[in-house]
PDB file of N, CA and C in Angstrom:
ATOM      1  N   MET A   1       0.834  -1.207   0.000  1.00  0.00           N
ATOM      2  CA  MET A   1       0.000   0.000   0.000  1.00  0.00           C
ATOM      3  C   MET A   1       0.873   1.263   0.000  1.00  0.00           C
ATOM      4  N   ILE A   2       0.473   2.223  -0.803  1.00  0.00           N
ATOM      5  CA  ILE A   2       1.226   3.481  -0.878  1.00  0.00           C
ATOM      6  C   ILE A   2       1.123   4.229   0.448  1.00  0.00           C
ATOM      7  N   SER A   3      -0.006   4.081   1.132  1.00  0.00           N
ATOM      8  CA  SER A   3      -0.229   4.826   2.378  1.00  0.00           C
ATOM      9  C   SER A   3       0.826   4.484   3.428  1.00  0.00           C
ATOM     10  N   GLU A   4       1.457   3.312   3.283  1.00  0.00           N
ATOM     11  CA  GLU A   4       2.474   2.921   4.267  1.00  0.00           C
ATOM     12  C   GLU A   4       3.818   3.585   3.970  1.00  0.00           C
ATOM     13  N   VAL A   5       3.965   4.131   2.776  1.00  0.00           N
ATOM     14  CA  VAL A   5       5.246   4.718   2.376  1.00  0.00           C
ATOM     15  C   VAL A   5       5.391   6.136   2.910  1.00  0.00           C
ATOM     16  N   TYR A   6       4.335   6.932   2.807  1.00  0.00           N
ATOM     17  CA  TYR A   6       4.426   8.322   3.252  1.00  0.00           C
ATOM     18  C   TYR A   6       3.545   8.555   4.472  1.00  0.00           C
ATOM     19  N   VAL A   7       3.817   9.621   5.200  1.00  0.00           N
ATOM     20  CA  VAL A   7       3.033   9.942   6.392  1.00  0.00           C
ATOM     21  C   VAL A   7       1.702  10.548   5.965  1.00  0.00           C
ATOM     22  N   PRO A   8       0.600  10.032   6.499  1.00  0.00           N
ATOM     23  CA  PRO A   8      -0.715  10.579   6.157  1.00  0.00           C
ATOM     24  C   PRO A   8      -0.789  12.067   6.440  1.00  0.00           C
ATOM     25  N   ARG A   9      -1.554  12.764   5.623  1.00  0.00           N
ATOM     26  CA  ARG A   9      -1.681  14.215   5.777  1.00  0.00           C
ATOM     27  C   ARG A   9      -2.213  14.573   7.158  1.00  0.00           C
ATOM     28  N   GLU A  10      -3.123  13.760   7.680  1.00  0.00           N
ATOM     29  CA  GLU A  10      -3.703  14.050   8.997  1.00  0.00           C
ATOM     30  C   GLU A  10      -2.618  14.112  10.061  1.00  0.00           C
ATOM     31  N   LYS A  11      -1.664  13.182   9.995  1.00  0.00           N
ATOM     32  CA  LYS A  11      -0.585  13.169  10.995  1.00  0.00           C
ATOM     33  C   LYS A  11       0.291  14.403  10.852  1.00  0.00           C
ATOM     34  N   ILE A  12       0.511  14.826   9.616  1.00  0.00           N
ATOM     35  CA  ILE A  12       1.331  16.027   9.391  1.00  0.00           C
ATOM     36  C   ILE A  12       0.632  17.242   9.973  1.00  0.00           C
ATOM     37  N   TYR A  13      -0.687  17.347   9.737  1.00  0.00           N
ATOM     38  CA  TYR A  13      -1.441  18.487  10.260  1.00  0.00           C
ATOM     39  C   TYR A  13      -1.439  18.468  11.780  1.00  0.00           C
ATOM     40  N   ASP A  14      -1.585  17.272  12.369  1.00  0.00           N
ATOM     41  CA  ASP A  14      -1.562  17.159  13.834  1.00  0.00           C
ATOM     42  C   ASP A  14      -0.209  17.622  14.363  1.00  0.00           C
ATOM     43  N   PHE A  15       0.861  17.240  13.668  1.00  0.00           N
ATOM     44  CA  PHE A  15       2.207  17.643  14.077  1.00  0.00           C
ATOM     45  C   PHE A  15       2.357  19.156  13.983  1.00  0.00           C
ATOM     46  N   MET A  16       1.849  19.745  12.912  1.00  0.00           N
ATOM     47  CA  MET A  16       1.934  21.196  12.730  1.00  0.00           C
ATOM     48  C   MET A  16       1.154  21.910  13.823  1.00  0.00           C
ATOM     49  N   ASP A  17      -0.010  21.346  14.195  1.00  0.00           N
ATOM     50  CA  ASP A  17      -0.815  21.952  15.262  1.00  0.00           C
ATOM     51  C   ASP A  17      -0.045  21.923  16.577  1.00  0.00           C
ATOM     52  N   ASP A  18       0.565  20.780  16.881  1.00  0.00           N
ATOM     53  CA  ASP A  18       1.346  20.667  18.119  1.00  0.00           C
ATOM     54  C   ASP A  18       2.513  21.649  18.092  1.00  0.00           C
ATOM     55  N   LEU A  19       3.138  21.778  16.934  1.00  0.00           N
ATOM     56  CA  LEU A  19       4.283  22.673  16.803  1.00  0.00           C
ATOM     57  C   LEU A  19       3.846  24.123  17.014  1.00  0.00           C
ATOM     58  N   SER A  20       2.729  24.511  16.397  1.00  0.00           N
ATOM     59  CA  SER A  20       2.247  25.891  16.528  1.00  0.00           C
ATOM     60  C   SER A  20       1.849  26.183  17.968  1.00  0.00           C
ATOM     61  N   GLU A  21       1.272  25.190  18.648  1.00  0.00           N
ATOM     62  CA  GLU A  21       0.884  25.373  20.051  1.00  0.00           C
ATOM     63  C   GLU A  21       2.121  25.577  20.916  1.00  0.00           C
ATOM     64  N   ALA A  22       3.215  24.905  20.569  1.00  0.00           N
ATOM     65  CA  ALA A  22       4.452  25.026  21.342  1.00  0.00           C
ATOM     66  C   ALA A  22       5.121  26.372  21.077  1.00  0.00           C
ATOM     67  N   ILE A  23       4.917  26.909  19.883  1.00  0.00           N
ATOM     68  CA  ILE A  23       5.564  28.175  19.509  1.00  0.00           C
ATOM     69  C   ILE A  23       4.770  29.391  19.991  1.00  0.00           C
ATOM     70  N   LYS A  24       3.461  29.265  20.083  1.00  0.00           N
ATOM     71  CA  LYS A  24       2.605  30.405  20.445  1.00  0.00           C
ATOM     72  C   LYS A  24       3.051  31.148  21.702  1.00  0.00           C
ATOM     73  N   PRO A  25       3.311  30.460  22.814  1.00  0.00           N
ATOM     74  CA  PRO A  25       3.735  31.175  24.038  1.00  0.00           C
ATOM     75  C   PRO A  25       4.982  32.019  23.808  1.00  0.00           C
ATOM     76  N   GLU A  26       5.930  31.524  23.032  1.00  0.00           N
ATOM     77  CA  GLU A  26       7.158  32.282  22.767  1.00  0.00           C
ATOM     78  C   GLU A  26       6.851  33.499  21.905  1.00  0.00           C
ATOM     79  N   LEU A  27       5.904  33.367  20.995  1.00  0.00           N
ATOM     80  CA  LEU A  27       5.529  34.500  20.144  1.00  0.00           C
ATOM     81  C   LEU A  27       4.819  35.558  20.978  1.00  0.00           C
ATOM     82  N   ASP A  28       4.039  35.114  21.968  1.00  0.00           N
ATOM     83  CA  ASP A  28       3.323  36.059  22.833  1.00  0.00           C
ATOM     84  C   ASP A  28       4.319  36.881  23.647  1.00  0.00           C
ATOM     85  N   ILE A  29       5.426  36.259  24.045  1.00  0.00           N
ATOM     86  CA  ILE A  29       6.436  36.976  24.831  1.00  0.00           C
ATOM     87  C   ILE A  29       7.043  38.096  23.985  1.00  0.00           C
ATOM     88  N   ILE A  30       7.272  37.813  22.730  1.00  0.00           N
ATOM     89  CA  ILE A  30       7.850  38.817  21.828  1.00  0.00           C
ATOM     90  C   ILE A  30       6.788  39.877  21.539  1.00  0.00           C
TER      91      ILE A  30
END
């Protein structure tokens, strides 16, 4: 299956959401 070769888009979006949540507090400080 091709789906096993690349990371599903949903997982990428979830990762981006987690990343943005981690960055937000630092952006608020600035």
